[in-house]
């Protein structure tokens, strides 16, 4: 399984959150924190059989 990471430029990141917050509000969904998305992503990777070490490396706080 090949896993790629996506790093967003600060402008792109701000736009992502503006758009997602607007979509959440329109859908009646509570605000989602970035940390929640990271946890969900890690859980889903492990559920489909990703290697724990690779998953850990992807989710380090290295920025």
Protein backbone atom coordinates (compact mmCIF):
# COMPACT_ATOMS: atom_id res chain seq x y z
CA UNK A 1 0.00 0.00 0.00
CA UNK A 2 1.47 3.35 -1.01
CA UNK A 3 0.65 6.21 1.31
CA UNK A 4 1.20 9.80 0.27
CA UNK A 5 1.01 12.86 2.47
CA UNK A 6 -0.33 16.26 1.55
CA UNK A 7 1.23 19.40 2.93
CA UNK A 8 -0.69 22.57 2.34
CA UNK A 9 0.75 26.03 1.97
CA UNK A 10 -0.58 28.40 4.64
CA UNK A 11 -2.89 30.17 2.13
CA UNK A 12 -4.27 26.84 0.92
CA UNK A 13 -4.75 25.66 4.50
CA UNK A 14 -6.71 28.79 5.43
CA UNK A 15 -8.88 28.41 2.34
CA UNK A 16 -9.47 24.74 3.13
CA UNK A 17 -10.72 25.60 6.61
CA UNK A 18 -12.91 28.46 5.38
CA UNK A 19 -14.54 26.24 2.77
CA UNK A 20 -14.93 23.24 5.09
CA UNK A 21 -16.36 25.38 7.91
CA UNK A 22 -18.89 26.86 5.47
CA UNK A 23 -19.85 23.38 4.23
CA UNK A 24 -20.17 22.07 7.80
CA UNK A 25 -22.41 24.97 8.74
CA UNK A 26 -24.61 24.46 5.67
CA UNK A 27 -24.89 20.73 6.47
CA UNK A 28 -25.63 21.37 10.14
CA UNK A 29 -22.46 19.60 11.25
CA UNK A 30 -20.53 20.82 14.27
CA UNK A 31 -17.11 22.39 13.74
CA UNK A 32 -14.40 19.78 13.12
CA UNK A 33 -10.92 20.40 14.45
CA UNK A 34 -7.87 19.47 12.34
CA UNK A 35 -6.72 17.16 15.15
CA UNK A 36 -10.00 15.24 14.84
CA UNK A 37 -9.33 14.69 11.15
CA UNK A 38 -5.83 13.38 11.93
CA UNK A 39 -7.21 10.89 14.44
CA UNK A 40 -9.89 9.71 12.02
CA UNK A 41 -7.32 9.34 9.24
CA UNK A 42 -5.01 7.28 11.45
CA UNK A 43 -7.88 5.03 12.55
CA UNK A 44 -9.03 4.45 8.98
CA UNK A 45 -5.49 3.62 7.84
CA UNK A 46 -5.13 1.03 10.58
CA UNK A 47 -8.55 -0.46 9.81
CA UNK A 48 -7.58 -1.10 6.18
CA UNK A 49 -4.35 -2.78 7.23
CA UNK A 50 -1.73 -0.04 7.07
CA UNK A 51 1.48 -0.73 8.95
CA UNK A 52 1.46 0.85 12.41
CA UNK A 53 4.99 2.23 11.99
CA UNK A 54 4.11 3.94 8.70
CA UNK A 55 0.93 5.34 10.21
CA UNK A 56 2.91 6.70 13.17
CA UNK A 57 5.44 8.34 10.85
CA UNK A 58 2.68 10.04 8.86
CA UNK A 59 1.11 11.51 11.97
CA UNK A 60 4.17 12.95 13.70
CA UNK A 61 4.11 16.60 14.68
CA UNK A 62 7.10 17.55 12.57
CA UNK A 63 6.17 20.99 11.31
